[in-house]
PDB file of all heavy atoms in Angstrom:
ATOM      1  N   VAL A   1     -47.019 -36.855  -9.992  1.00  0.00           N
ATOM      2  CA  VAL A   1     -46.163 -35.718  -9.738  1.00  0.00           C
ATOM      3  C   VAL A   1     -45.297 -35.940  -8.534  1.00  0.00           C
ATOM      4  O   VAL A   1     -44.050 -35.736  -8.533  1.00  0.00           O
ATOM      5  CB  VAL A   1     -46.989 -34.424  -9.555  1.00  0.00           C
ATOM      6  CG1 VAL A   1     -46.027 -33.251  -9.267  1.00  0.00           C
ATOM      7  CG2 VAL A   1     -47.747 -34.134 -10.841  1.00  0.00           C
ATOM      8  N   GLU A   2     -45.904 -36.391  -7.412  1.00  0.00           N
ATOM      9  CA  GLU A   2     -45.166 -36.599  -6.159  1.00  0.00           C
ATOM     10  C   GLU A   2     -44.175 -37.806  -6.340  1.00  0.00           C
ATOM     11  O   GLU A   2     -43.111 -37.745  -5.765  1.00  0.00           O
ATOM     12  CB  GLU A   2     -46.105 -36.868  -5.011  1.00  0.00           C
ATOM     13  CG  GLU A   2     -46.939 -35.625  -4.631  1.00  0.00           C
ATOM     14  CD  GLU A   2     -47.470 -35.689  -3.250  1.00  0.00           C
ATOM     15  OE1 GLU A   2     -47.107 -36.604  -2.464  1.00  0.00           O
ATOM     16  OE2 GLU A   2     -48.286 -34.796  -2.869  1.00  0.00           O
ATOM     17  N   ARG A   3     -44.614 -38.790  -7.072  1.00  0.00           N
ATOM     18  CA  ARG A   3     -43.716 -39.962  -7.321  1.00  0.00           C
ATOM     19  C   ARG A   3     -42.470 -39.519  -8.036  1.00  0.00           C
ATOM     20  O   ARG A   3     -41.318 -39.928  -7.689  1.00  0.00           O
ATOM     21  CB  ARG A   3     -44.439 -41.022  -8.168  1.00  0.00           C
ATOM     22  CG  ARG A   3     -45.284 -41.966  -7.390  1.00  0.00           C
ATOM     23  CD  ARG A   3     -45.524 -43.266  -8.122  1.00  0.00           C
ATOM     24  NE  ARG A   3     -45.802 -43.112  -9.519  1.00  0.00           N
ATOM     25  CZ  ARG A   3     -47.100 -42.967 -10.006  1.00  0.00           C
ATOM     26  NH1 ARG A   3     -48.118 -43.004  -9.207  1.00  0.00           N
ATOM     27  NH2 ARG A   3     -47.273 -42.836 -11.315  1.00  0.00           N
ATOM     28  N   ASN A   4     -42.667 -38.630  -9.042  1.00  0.00           N
ATOM     29  CA  ASN A   4     -41.496 -38.180  -9.802  1.00  0.00           C
ATOM     30  C   ASN A   4     -40.577 -37.261  -8.984  1.00  0.00           C
ATOM     31  O   ASN A   4     -39.368 -37.255  -9.209  1.00  0.00           O
ATOM     32  CB  ASN A   4     -41.963 -37.456 -11.043  1.00  0.00           C
ATOM     33  CG  ASN A   4     -42.677 -38.416 -12.035  1.00  0.00           C
ATOM     34  OD1 ASN A   4     -42.459 -39.594 -12.045  1.00  0.00           O
ATOM     35  ND2 ASN A   4     -43.547 -37.888 -12.886  1.00  0.00           N
ATOM     36  N   MET A   5     -41.192 -36.517  -8.071  1.00  0.00           N
ATOM     37  CA  MET A   5     -40.361 -35.621  -7.295  1.00  0.00           C
ATOM     38  C   MET A   5     -39.563 -36.296  -6.190  1.00  0.00           C
ATOM     39  O   MET A   5     -38.585 -35.811  -5.654  1.00  0.00           O
ATOM     40  CB  MET A   5     -41.246 -34.506  -6.683  1.00  0.00           C
ATOM     41  CG  MET A   5     -41.849 -33.540  -7.699  1.00  0.00           C
ATOM     42  SD  MET A   5     -42.690 -32.160  -6.984  1.00  0.00           S
ATOM     43  CE  MET A   5     -41.345 -31.229  -6.360  1.00  0.00           C
ATOM     44  N   PHE A   6     -40.071 -37.491  -5.786  1.00  0.00           N
ATOM     45  CA  PHE A   6     -39.386 -38.233  -4.691  1.00  0.00           C
ATOM     46  C   PHE A   6     -38.084 -38.846  -5.284  1.00  0.00           C
ATOM     47  O   PHE A   6     -38.091 -39.642  -6.193  1.00  0.00           O
ATOM     48  CB  PHE A   6     -40.334 -39.300  -4.196  1.00  0.00           C
ATOM     49  CG  PHE A   6     -39.735 -40.106  -3.035  1.00  0.00           C
ATOM     50  CD1 PHE A   6     -39.243 -39.430  -1.918  1.00  0.00           C
ATOM     51  CD2 PHE A   6     -39.713 -41.477  -3.041  1.00  0.00           C
ATOM     52  CE1 PHE A   6     -38.700 -40.119  -0.870  1.00  0.00           C
ATOM     53  CE2 PHE A   6     -39.182 -42.192  -1.983  1.00  0.00           C
ATOM     54  CZ  PHE A   6     -38.689 -41.502  -0.881  1.00  0.00           C
ATOM     55  N   ASP A   7     -37.008 -38.375  -4.670  1.00  0.00           N
ATOM     56  CA  ASP A   7     -35.694 -38.823  -5.170  1.00  0.00           C
ATOM     57  C   ASP A   7     -34.721 -39.086  -4.041  1.00  0.00           C
ATOM     58  O   ASP A   7     -34.640 -38.259  -3.108  1.00  0.00           O
ATOM     59  CB  ASP A   7     -35.122 -37.719  -6.105  1.00  0.00           C
ATOM     60  CG  ASP A   7     -33.723 -38.038  -6.647  1.00  0.00           C
ATOM     61  OD1 ASP A   7     -33.544 -39.145  -7.208  1.00  0.00           O
ATOM     62  OD2 ASP A   7     -32.795 -37.232  -6.441  1.00  0.00           O
ATOM     63  N   ILE A   8     -33.978 -40.150  -4.093  1.00  0.00           N
ATOM     64  CA  ILE A   8     -33.043 -40.513  -3.034  1.00  0.00           C
ATOM     65  C   ILE A   8     -31.637 -40.653  -3.686  1.00  0.00           C
ATOM     66  O   ILE A   8     -31.465 -41.442  -4.585  1.00  0.00           O
ATOM     67  CB  ILE A   8     -33.379 -41.792  -2.308  1.00  0.00           C
ATOM     68  CG1 ILE A   8     -34.744 -41.656  -1.591  1.00  0.00           C
ATOM     69  CG2 ILE A   8     -32.334 -42.172  -1.295  1.00  0.00           C
ATOM     70  CD1 ILE A   8     -35.286 -42.914  -0.972  1.00  0.00           C
ATOM     71  N   ARG A   9     -30.687 -39.893  -3.162  1.00  0.00           N
ATOM     72  CA  ARG A   9     -29.290 -40.039  -3.594  1.00  0.00           C
ATOM     73  C   ARG A   9     -28.427 -40.350  -2.390  1.00  0.00           C
ATOM     74  O   ARG A   9     -28.145 -39.482  -1.567  1.00  0.00           O
ATOM     75  CB  ARG A   9     -28.813 -38.765  -4.279  1.00  0.00           C
ATOM     76  CG  ARG A   9     -29.543 -38.497  -5.584  1.00  0.00           C
ATOM     77  CD  ARG A   9     -28.945 -37.317  -6.318  1.00  0.00           C
ATOM     78  NE  ARG A   9     -29.656 -37.089  -7.569  1.00  0.00           N
ATOM     79  CZ  ARG A   9     -29.357 -36.151  -8.463  1.00  0.00           C
ATOM     80  NH1 ARG A   9     -28.308 -35.327  -8.208  1.00  0.00           N
ATOM     81  NH2 ARG A   9     -30.016 -35.951  -9.592  1.00  0.00           N
ATOM     82  N   LEU A  10     -28.098 -41.621  -2.249  1.00  0.00           N
ATOM     83  CA  LEU A  10     -27.266 -42.102  -1.110  1.00  0.00           C
ATOM     84  C   LEU A  10     -25.798 -42.159  -1.562  1.00  0.00           C
ATOM     85  O   LEU A  10     -25.493 -42.853  -2.557  1.00  0.00           O
ATOM     86  CB  LEU A  10     -27.795 -43.428  -0.661  1.00  0.00           C
ATOM     87  CG  LEU A  10     -26.991 -44.147   0.433  1.00  0.00           C
ATOM     88  CD1 LEU A  10     -27.012 -43.326   1.722  1.00  0.00           C
ATOM     89  CD2 LEU A  10     -27.575 -45.529   0.704  1.00  0.00           C
ATOM     90  N   MET A  11     -24.965 -41.483  -0.801  1.00  0.00           N
ATOM     91  CA  MET A  11     -23.537 -41.484  -1.160  1.00  0.00           C
ATOM     92  C   MET A  11     -22.871 -42.677  -0.411  1.00  0.00           C
ATOM     93  O   MET A  11     -22.957 -42.821   0.829  1.00  0.00           O
ATOM     94  CB  MET A  11     -22.890 -40.154  -0.689  1.00  0.00           C
ATOM     95  CG  MET A  11     -23.628 -38.955  -1.187  1.00  0.00           C
ATOM     96  SD  MET A  11     -23.804 -38.846  -2.970  1.00  0.00           S
ATOM     97  CE  MET A  11     -24.829 -37.392  -3.130  1.00  0.00           C
ATOM     98  N   LYS A  12     -22.207 -43.560  -1.162  1.00  0.00           N
ATOM     99  CA  LYS A  12     -21.573 -44.725  -0.583  1.00  0.00           C
ATOM    100  C   LYS A  12     -20.056 -44.730  -0.717  1.00  0.00           C
ATOM    101  O   LYS A  12     -19.348 -45.559  -0.127  1.00  0.00           O
ATOM    102  CB  LYS A  12     -22.117 -45.966  -1.297  1.00  0.00           C
ATOM    103  CG  LYS A  12     -23.585 -46.205  -1.092  1.00  0.00           C
ATOM    104  CD  LYS A  12     -24.063 -47.439  -1.777  1.00  0.00           C
ATOM    105  CE  LYS A  12     -25.574 -47.674  -1.534  1.00  0.00           C
ATOM    106  NZ  LYS A  12     -26.071 -48.906  -2.183  1.00  0.00           N
ATOM    107  N   GLU A  13     -19.525 -43.740  -1.350  1.00  0.00           N
ATOM    108  CA  GLU A  13     -18.045 -43.673  -1.574  1.00  0.00           C
ATOM    109  C   GLU A  13     -17.554 -42.259  -1.366  1.00  0.00           C
ATOM    110  O   GLU A  13     -18.314 -41.286  -1.472  1.00  0.00           O
ATOM    111  CB  GLU A  13     -17.674 -44.184  -2.960  1.00  0.00           C
ATOM    112  CG  GLU A  13     -18.043 -45.634  -3.208  1.00  0.00           C
ATOM    113  CD  GLU A  13     -17.702 -46.109  -4.611  1.00  0.00           C
ATOM    114  OE1 GLU A  13     -17.220 -45.233  -5.428  1.00  0.00           O
ATOM    115  OE2 GLU A  13     -17.913 -47.275  -4.918  1.00  0.00           O
ATOM    116  N   GLY A  14     -16.215 -42.170  -1.093  1.00  0.00           N
ATOM    117  CA  GLY A  14     -15.577 -40.902  -1.045  1.00  0.00           C
ATOM    118  C   GLY A  14     -15.960 -40.088   0.223  1.00  0.00           C
ATOM    119  O   GLY A  14     -16.424 -40.675   1.225  1.00  0.00           O
ATOM    120  N   ARG A  15     -15.753 -38.805   0.169  1.00  0.00           N
ATOM    121  CA  ARG A  15     -15.967 -37.946   1.335  1.00  0.00           C
ATOM    122  C   ARG A  15     -17.413 -37.844   1.751  1.00  0.00           C
ATOM    123  O   ARG A  15     -17.728 -37.602   2.905  1.00  0.00           O
ATOM    124  CB  ARG A  15     -15.443 -36.547   1.026  1.00  0.00           C
ATOM    125  CG  ARG A  15     -13.922 -36.459   0.875  1.00  0.00           C
ATOM    126  CD  ARG A  15     -13.492 -35.033   0.579  1.00  0.00           C
ATOM    127  NE  ARG A  15     -12.059 -34.921   0.414  1.00  0.00           N
ATOM    128  CZ  ARG A  15     -11.424 -33.775   0.127  1.00  0.00           C
ATOM    129  NH1 ARG A  15     -12.177 -32.681  -0.066  1.00  0.00           N
ATOM    130  NH2 ARG A  15     -10.127 -33.735  -0.034  1.00  0.00           N
ATOM    131  N   MET A  16     -18.289 -38.019   0.793  1.00  0.00           N
ATOM    132  CA  MET A  16     -19.724 -37.922   1.040  1.00  0.00           C
ATOM    133  C   MET A  16     -20.350 -39.182   1.566  1.00  0.00           C
ATOM    134  O   MET A  16     -21.579 -39.300   1.711  1.00  0.00           O
ATOM    135  CB  MET A  16     -20.461 -37.488  -0.247  1.00  0.00           C
ATOM    136  CG  MET A  16     -20.061 -36.098  -0.794  1.00  0.00           C
ATOM    137  SD  MET A  16     -20.579 -34.744   0.346  1.00  0.00           S
ATOM    138  CE  MET A  16     -22.349 -34.770   0.019  1.00  0.00           C
ATOM    139  N   LYS A  17     -19.498 -40.173   1.852  1.00  0.00           N
ATOM    140  CA  LYS A  17     -20.017 -41.463   2.316  1.00  0.00           C
ATOM    141  C   LYS A  17     -20.784 -41.286   3.618  1.00  0.00           C
ATOM    142  O   LYS A  17     -20.373 -40.539   4.509  1.00  0.00           O
ATOM    143  CB  LYS A  17     -18.854 -42.401   2.531  1.00  0.00           C
ATOM    144  CG  LYS A  17     -19.278 -43.856   2.794  1.00  0.00           C
ATOM    145  CD  LYS A  17     -18.041 -44.764   2.888  1.00  0.00           C
ATOM    146  CE  LYS A  17     -18.397 -46.203   3.111  1.00  0.00           C
ATOM    147  NZ  LYS A  17     -17.252 -47.067   3.208  1.00  0.00           N
ATOM    148  N   GLY A  18     -21.907 -41.999   3.700  1.00  0.00           N
ATOM    149  CA  GLY A  18     -22.732 -41.865   4.903  1.00  0.00           C
ATOM    150  C   GLY A  18     -23.693 -40.692   4.925  1.00  0.00           C
ATOM    151  O   GLY A  18     -24.264 -40.301   5.912  1.00  0.00           O
ATOM    152  N   GLN A  19     -23.860 -40.084   3.724  1.00  0.00           N
ATOM    153  CA  GLN A  19     -24.741 -38.948   3.540  1.00  0.00           C
ATOM    154  C   GLN A  19     -25.737 -39.202   2.448  1.00  0.00           C
ATOM    155  O   GLN A  19     -25.517 -40.023   1.566  1.00  0.00           O
ATOM    156  CB  GLN A  19     -23.921 -37.665   3.300  1.00  0.00           C
ATOM    157  CG  GLN A  19     -22.926 -37.380   4.412  1.00  0.00           C
ATOM    158  CD  GLN A  19     -22.031 -36.217   4.046  1.00  0.00           C
ATOM    159  OE1 GLN A  19     -22.492 -35.174   3.611  1.00  0.00           O
ATOM    160  NE2 GLN A  19     -20.719 -36.422   4.131  1.00  0.00           N
ATOM    161  N   ALA A  20     -26.877 -38.483   2.478  1.00  0.00           N
ATOM    162  CA  ALA A  20     -27.857 -38.643   1.401  1.00  0.00           C
ATOM    163  C   ALA A  20     -28.635 -37.390   1.203  1.00  0.00           C
ATOM    164  O   ALA A  20     -28.778 -36.530   2.133  1.00  0.00           O
ATOM    165  CB  ALA A  20     -28.819 -39.803   1.801  1.00  0.00           C
ATOM    166  N   PHE A  21     -29.119 -37.187   0.004  1.00  0.00           N
ATOM    167  CA  PHE A  21     -30.021 -36.112  -0.361  1.00  0.00           C
ATOM    168  C   PHE A  21     -31.360 -36.669  -0.785  1.00  0.00           C
ATOM    169  O   PHE A  21     -31.405 -37.631  -1.618  1.00  0.00           O
ATOM    170  CB  PHE A  21     -29.400 -35.251  -1.499  1.00  0.00           C
ATOM    171  CG  PHE A  21     -28.217 -34.474  -1.063  1.00  0.00           C
ATOM    172  CD1 PHE A  21     -26.928 -35.015  -1.215  1.00  0.00           C
ATOM    173  CD2 PHE A  21     -28.304 -33.231  -0.489  1.00  0.00           C
ATOM    174  CE1 PHE A  21     -25.796 -34.331  -0.808  1.00  0.00           C
ATOM    175  CE2 PHE A  21     -27.237 -32.490  -0.108  1.00  0.00           C
ATOM    176  CZ  PHE A  21     -25.962 -33.044  -0.274  1.00  0.00           C
ATOM    177  N   ILE A  22     -32.406 -36.197  -0.246  1.00  0.00           N
ATOM    178  CA  ILE A  22     -33.727 -36.777  -0.508  1.00  0.00           C
ATOM    179  C   ILE A  22     -34.665 -35.636  -0.976  1.00  0.00           C
ATOM    180  O   ILE A  22     -34.862 -34.634  -0.254  1.00  0.00           O
ATOM    181  CB  ILE A  22     -34.352 -37.438   0.692  1.00  0.00           C
ATOM    182  CG1 ILE A  22     -33.402 -38.612   1.154  1.00  0.00           C
ATOM    183  CG2 ILE A  22     -35.717 -38.008   0.459  1.00  0.00           C
ATOM    184  CD1 ILE A  22     -33.718 -39.211   2.520  1.00  0.00           C
ATOM    185  N   GLY A  23     -35.207 -35.780  -2.154  1.00  0.00           N
ATOM    186  CA  GLY A  23     -36.153 -34.815  -2.680  1.00  0.00           C
ATOM    187  C   GLY A  23     -37.583 -35.237  -2.382  1.00  0.00           C
ATOM    188  O   GLY A  23     -37.979 -36.382  -2.650  1.00  0.00           O
ATOM    189  N   LEU A  24     -38.324 -34.264  -1.776  1.00  0.00           N
ATOM    190  CA  LEU A  24     -39.718 -34.546  -1.421  1.00  0.00           C
ATOM    191  C   LEU A  24     -40.633 -33.611  -2.195  1.00  0.00           C
ATOM    192  O   LEU A  24     -40.202 -32.636  -2.806  1.00  0.00           O
ATOM    193  CB  LEU A  24     -39.915 -34.342   0.115  1.00  0.00           C
ATOM    194  CG  LEU A  24     -39.202 -35.422   0.938  1.00  0.00           C
ATOM    195  CD1 LEU A  24     -39.109 -34.968   2.437  1.00  0.00           C
ATOM    196  CD2 LEU A  24     -39.893 -36.744   0.830  1.00  0.00           C
ATOM    197  N   PRO A  25     -41.942 -33.894  -2.243  1.00  0.00           N
ATOM    198  CA  PRO A  25     -42.870 -33.184  -3.131  1.00  0.00           C
ATOM    199  C   PRO A  25     -42.947 -31.678  -2.833  1.00  0.00           C
ATOM    200  O   PRO A  25     -43.155 -30.893  -3.745  1.00  0.00           O
ATOM    201  CB  PRO A  25     -44.223 -33.807  -2.840  1.00  0.00           C
ATOM    202  CG  PRO A  25     -43.909 -35.192  -2.341  1.00  0.00           C
ATOM    203  CD  PRO A  25     -42.624 -35.030  -1.595  1.00  0.00           C
ATOM    204  N   ASN A  26     -42.814 -31.258  -1.579  1.00  0.00           N
ATOM    205  CA  ASN A  26     -42.940 -29.864  -1.240  1.00  0.00           C
ATOM    206  C   ASN A  26     -42.254 -29.549   0.086  1.00  0.00           C
ATOM    207  O   ASN A  26     -41.797 -30.447   0.762  1.00  0.00           O
ATOM    208  CB  ASN A  26     -44.433 -29.428  -1.175  1.00  0.00           C
ATOM    209  CG  ASN A  26     -45.213 -30.408  -0.369  1.00  0.00           C
ATOM    210  OD1 ASN A  26     -44.955 -30.634   0.805  1.00  0.00           O
ATOM    211  ND2 ASN A  26     -46.233 -31.025  -0.950  1.00  0.00           N
ATOM    212  N   GLU A  27     -42.226 -28.278   0.422  1.00  0.00           N
ATOM    213  CA  GLU A  27     -41.579 -27.832   1.695  1.00  0.00           C
ATOM    214  C   GLU A  27     -42.294 -28.399   2.925  1.00  0.00           C
ATOM    215  O   GLU A  27     -41.647 -28.707   3.917  1.00  0.00           O
ATOM    216  CB  GLU A  27     -41.554 -26.288   1.749  1.00  0.00           C
ATOM    217  CG  GLU A  27     -40.504 -25.681   0.825  1.00  0.00           C
ATOM    218  CD  GLU A  27     -40.395 -24.168   1.056  1.00  0.00           C
ATOM    219  OE1 GLU A  27     -40.972 -23.637   2.082  1.00  0.00           O
ATOM    220  OE2 GLU A  27     -39.776 -23.467   0.220  1.00  0.00           O
TER     221      GLU A  27
END
């Protein structure tokens, strides 16, 4: 469950470059 919830989205292009969203198992 925790493996599936762990998610990394790294922005490498455009205005969002140098930013990332990371999903973790819980608050």
